């Protein structure tokens, strides 16, 4: 049996809605998650995780890379911009031919 959830689903949905609305407005964007989490009595990191998951579910975020939502006259289209993935060190392997293999 799964463990009971700490927060009710209604609180979670309300917090996500409030956070997404606050992040859209440039005047309230800075510190929005921390402020809203404080108002609702939840951990700011918990709210951030909820918002990230909601964005992934809505298609606004792909594989952890943030997408760009654009609004057209009739519908909301979601377009993603390719974000350059982090560069990882590349290992080079020197191939040494065996004797007699040609």
C-alpha atoms as a PDB file:
ATOM      1  CA  UNK A   1       0.000   0.000   0.000  1.00  0.00           C
ATOM      2  CA  UNK A   2       1.319   3.431  -0.917  1.00  0.00           C
ATOM      3  CA  UNK A   3       2.127   5.998   1.721  1.00  0.00           C
ATOM      4  CA  UNK A   4      -0.498   8.700   2.256  1.00  0.00           C
ATOM      5  CA  UNK A   5       0.238  12.045   0.633  1.00  0.00           C
ATOM      6  CA  UNK A   6       1.311  14.872   2.872  1.00  0.00           C
ATOM      7  CA  UNK A   7      -0.644  17.516   0.965  1.00  0.00           C
ATOM      8  CA  UNK A   8      -4.168  17.183  -0.471  1.00  0.00           C
ATOM      9  CA  UNK A   9      -4.575  17.243  -4.259  1.00  0.00           C
ATOM     10  CA  UNK A  10      -6.655  20.435  -4.082  1.00  0.00           C
ATOM     11  CA  UNK A  11      -3.807  22.278  -2.356  1.00  0.00           C
ATOM     12  CA  UNK A  12      -1.330  20.963  -4.885  1.00  0.00           C
ATOM     13  CA  UNK A  13      -3.457  22.062  -7.862  1.00  0.00           C
ATOM     14  CA  UNK A  14      -4.097  25.491  -6.335  1.00  0.00           C
ATOM     15  CA  UNK A  15      -0.396  26.016  -5.567  1.00  0.00           C
ATOM     16  CA  UNK A  16       0.635  25.052  -9.117  1.00  0.00           C
ATOM     17  CA  UNK A  17      -1.989  27.356 -10.631  1.00  0.00           C
ATOM     18  CA  UNK A  18      -0.913  30.266  -8.409  1.00  0.00           C
ATOM     19  CA  UNK A  19       2.775  29.690  -9.170  1.00  0.00           C
ATOM     20  CA  UNK A  20       2.272  29.503 -12.935  1.00  0.00           C
ATOM     21  CA  UNK A  21       0.149  32.664 -12.905  1.00  0.00           C
ATOM     22  CA  UNK A  22       2.705  34.526 -10.791  1.00  0.00           C
ATOM     23  CA  UNK A  23       5.603  33.432 -13.017  1.00  0.00           C
ATOM     24  CA  UNK A  24       3.830  34.761 -16.142  1.00  0.00           C
ATOM     25  CA  UNK A  25       3.641  38.280 -14.698  1.00  0.00           C
ATOM     26  CA  UNK A  26       7.090  39.981 -14.823  1.00  0.00           C
ATOM     27  CA  UNK A  27       6.234  42.133 -11.792  1.00  0.00           C
ATOM     28  CA  UNK A  28       5.664  39.115  -9.543  1.00  0.00           C
ATOM     29  CA  UNK A  29       8.047  36.617 -11.154  1.00  0.00           C
ATOM     30  CA  UNK A  30      11.000  37.172  -8.837  1.00  0.00           C
ATOM     31  CA  UNK A  31      10.642  35.019  -5.734  1.00  0.00           C
ATOM     32  CA  UNK A  32       7.171  33.845  -6.730  1.00  0.00           C
ATOM     33  CA  UNK A  33       7.641  30.217  -5.690  1.00  0.00           C
ATOM     34  CA  UNK A  34       9.108  31.088  -2.309  1.00  0.00           C
ATOM     35  CA  UNK A  35       6.395  33.663  -1.597  1.00  0.00           C
ATOM     36  CA  UNK A  36       3.523  31.380  -2.632  1.00  0.00           C
ATOM     37  CA  UNK A  37       4.958  28.427  -0.737  1.00  0.00           C
ATOM     38  CA  UNK A  38       5.161  30.580   2.384  1.00  0.00           C
ATOM     39  CA  UNK A  39       1.550  31.711   1.970  1.00  0.00           C
ATOM     40  CA  UNK A  40       0.312  28.135   1.615  1.00  0.00           C
ATOM     41  CA  UNK A  41       2.595  26.632   4.278  1.00  0.00           C
ATOM     42  CA  UNK A  42       4.537  24.269   2.035  1.00  0.00           C
ATOM     43  CA  UNK A  43       8.230  23.871   1.322  1.00  0.00           C
ATOM     44  CA  UNK A  44       9.413  26.044  -1.625  1.00  0.00           C
ATOM     45  CA  UNK A  45      11.360  23.119  -3.076  1.00  0.00           C
ATOM     46  CA  UNK A  46       8.233  20.963  -2.997  1.00  0.00           C
ATOM     47  CA  UNK A  47       6.332  23.637  -4.908  1.00  0.00           C
ATOM     48  CA  UNK A  48       9.173  23.938  -7.431  1.00  0.00           C
ATOM     49  CA  UNK A  49       9.074  20.171  -8.034  1.00  0.00           C
ATOM     50  CA  UNK A  50       5.300  20.283  -8.502  1.00  0.00           C
ATOM     51  CA  UNK A  51       5.579  23.144 -11.001  1.00  0.00           C
ATOM     52  CA  UNK A  52       8.341  21.410 -12.977  1.00  0.00           C
ATOM     53  CA  UNK A  53       6.283  18.211 -13.159  1.00  0.00           C
ATOM     54  CA  UNK A  54       3.183  20.154 -14.228  1.00  0.00           C
ATOM     55  CA  UNK A  55       5.205  21.854 -16.986  1.00  0.00           C
ATOM     56  CA  UNK A  56       6.501  18.485 -18.195  1.00  0.00           C
ATOM     57  CA  UNK A  57       2.972  17.061 -18.196  1.00  0.00           C
ATOM     58  CA  UNK A  58       1.687  20.075 -20.149  1.00  0.00           C
ATOM     59  CA  UNK A  59       4.506  19.850 -22.685  1.00  0.00           C
ATOM     60  CA  UNK A  60       6.089  23.153 -21.648  1.00  0.00           C
ATOM     61  CA  UNK A  61       9.252  21.433 -20.520  1.00  0.00           C
ATOM     62  CA  UNK A  62      10.897  18.538 -22.315  1.00  0.00           C
ATOM     63  CA  UNK A  63      13.449  16.267 -20.644  1.00  0.00           C
ATOM     64  CA  UNK A  64      14.243  18.943 -18.112  1.00  0.00           C
ATOM     65  CA  UNK A  65      14.921  21.549 -20.798  1.00  0.00           C
ATOM     66  CA  UNK A  66      12.593  24.500 -20.662  1.00  0.00           C
ATOM     67  CA  UNK A  67      10.396  25.139 -23.669  1.00  0.00           C
ATOM     68  CA  UNK A  68       8.949  28.433 -24.817  1.00  0.00           C
ATOM     69  CA  UNK A  69       5.199  28.900 -24.833  1.00  0.00           C
ATOM     70  CA  UNK A  70       3.923  31.262 -27.506  1.00  0.00           C
ATOM     71  CA  UNK A  71       0.398  32.586 -27.757  1.00  0.00           C
ATOM     72  CA  UNK A  72      -1.311  32.916 -31.130  1.00  0.00           C
ATOM     73  CA  UNK A  73      -4.673  34.543 -31.875  1.00  0.00           C
ATOM     74  CA  UNK A  74      -6.767  31.373 -31.754  1.00  0.00           C
ATOM     75  CA  UNK A  75      -4.844  28.729 -29.821  1.00  0.00           C
ATOM     76  CA  UNK A  76      -1.884  28.341 -27.591  1.00  0.00           C
ATOM     77  CA  UNK A  77       0.947  26.695 -29.434  1.00  0.00           C
ATOM     78  CA  UNK A  78       3.856  25.244 -27.626  1.00  0.00           C
ATOM     79  CA  UNK A  79       7.142  25.407 -29.396  1.00  0.00           C
ATOM     80  CA  UNK A  80      10.372  24.209 -27.969  1.00  0.00           C
ATOM     81  CA  UNK A  81      13.750  25.629 -28.572  1.00  0.00           C
ATOM     82  CA  UNK A  82      16.654  23.326 -28.558  1.00  0.00           C
ATOM     83  CA  UNK A  83      18.900  24.062 -25.647  1.00  0.00           C
ATOM     84  CA  UNK A  84      22.441  22.965 -26.087  1.00  0.00           C
ATOM     85  CA  UNK A  85      23.044  20.019 -23.783  1.00  0.00           C
ATOM     86  CA  UNK A  86      25.952  20.219 -21.387  1.00  0.00           C
ATOM     87  CA  UNK A  87      29.255  19.161 -22.840  1.00  0.00           C
ATOM     88  CA  UNK A  88      30.793  16.090 -21.388  1.00  0.00           C
ATOM     89  CA  UNK A  89      34.444  15.182 -21.605  1.00  0.00           C
ATOM     90  CA  UNK A  90      35.075  13.020 -24.612  1.00  0.00           C
ATOM     91  CA  UNK A  91      37.390  10.103 -24.199  1.00  0.00           C
ATOM     92  CA  UNK A  92      39.567   9.349 -27.146  1.00  0.00           C
ATOM     93  CA  UNK A  93      40.680   5.826 -27.793  1.00  0.00           C
ATOM     94  CA  UNK A  94      43.840   5.151 -29.644  1.00  0.00           C
ATOM     95  CA  UNK A  95      43.501   2.121 -31.872  1.00  0.00           C
ATOM     96  CA  UNK A  96      46.638   0.083 -32.183  1.00  0.00           C
ATOM     97  CA  UNK A  97      46.508  -2.445 -34.982  1.00  0.00           C
ATOM     98  CA  UNK A  98      47.505  -6.001 -34.103  1.00  0.00           C
ATOM     99  CA  UNK A  99      50.393  -7.619 -35.835  1.00  0.00           C
ATOM    100  CA  UNK A 100      49.330  -9.459 -38.909  1.00  0.00           C
ATOM    101  CA  UNK A 101      45.897  -7.825 -39.131  1.00  0.00           C
ATOM    102  CA  UNK A 102      45.666  -5.931 -42.368  1.00  0.00           C
END
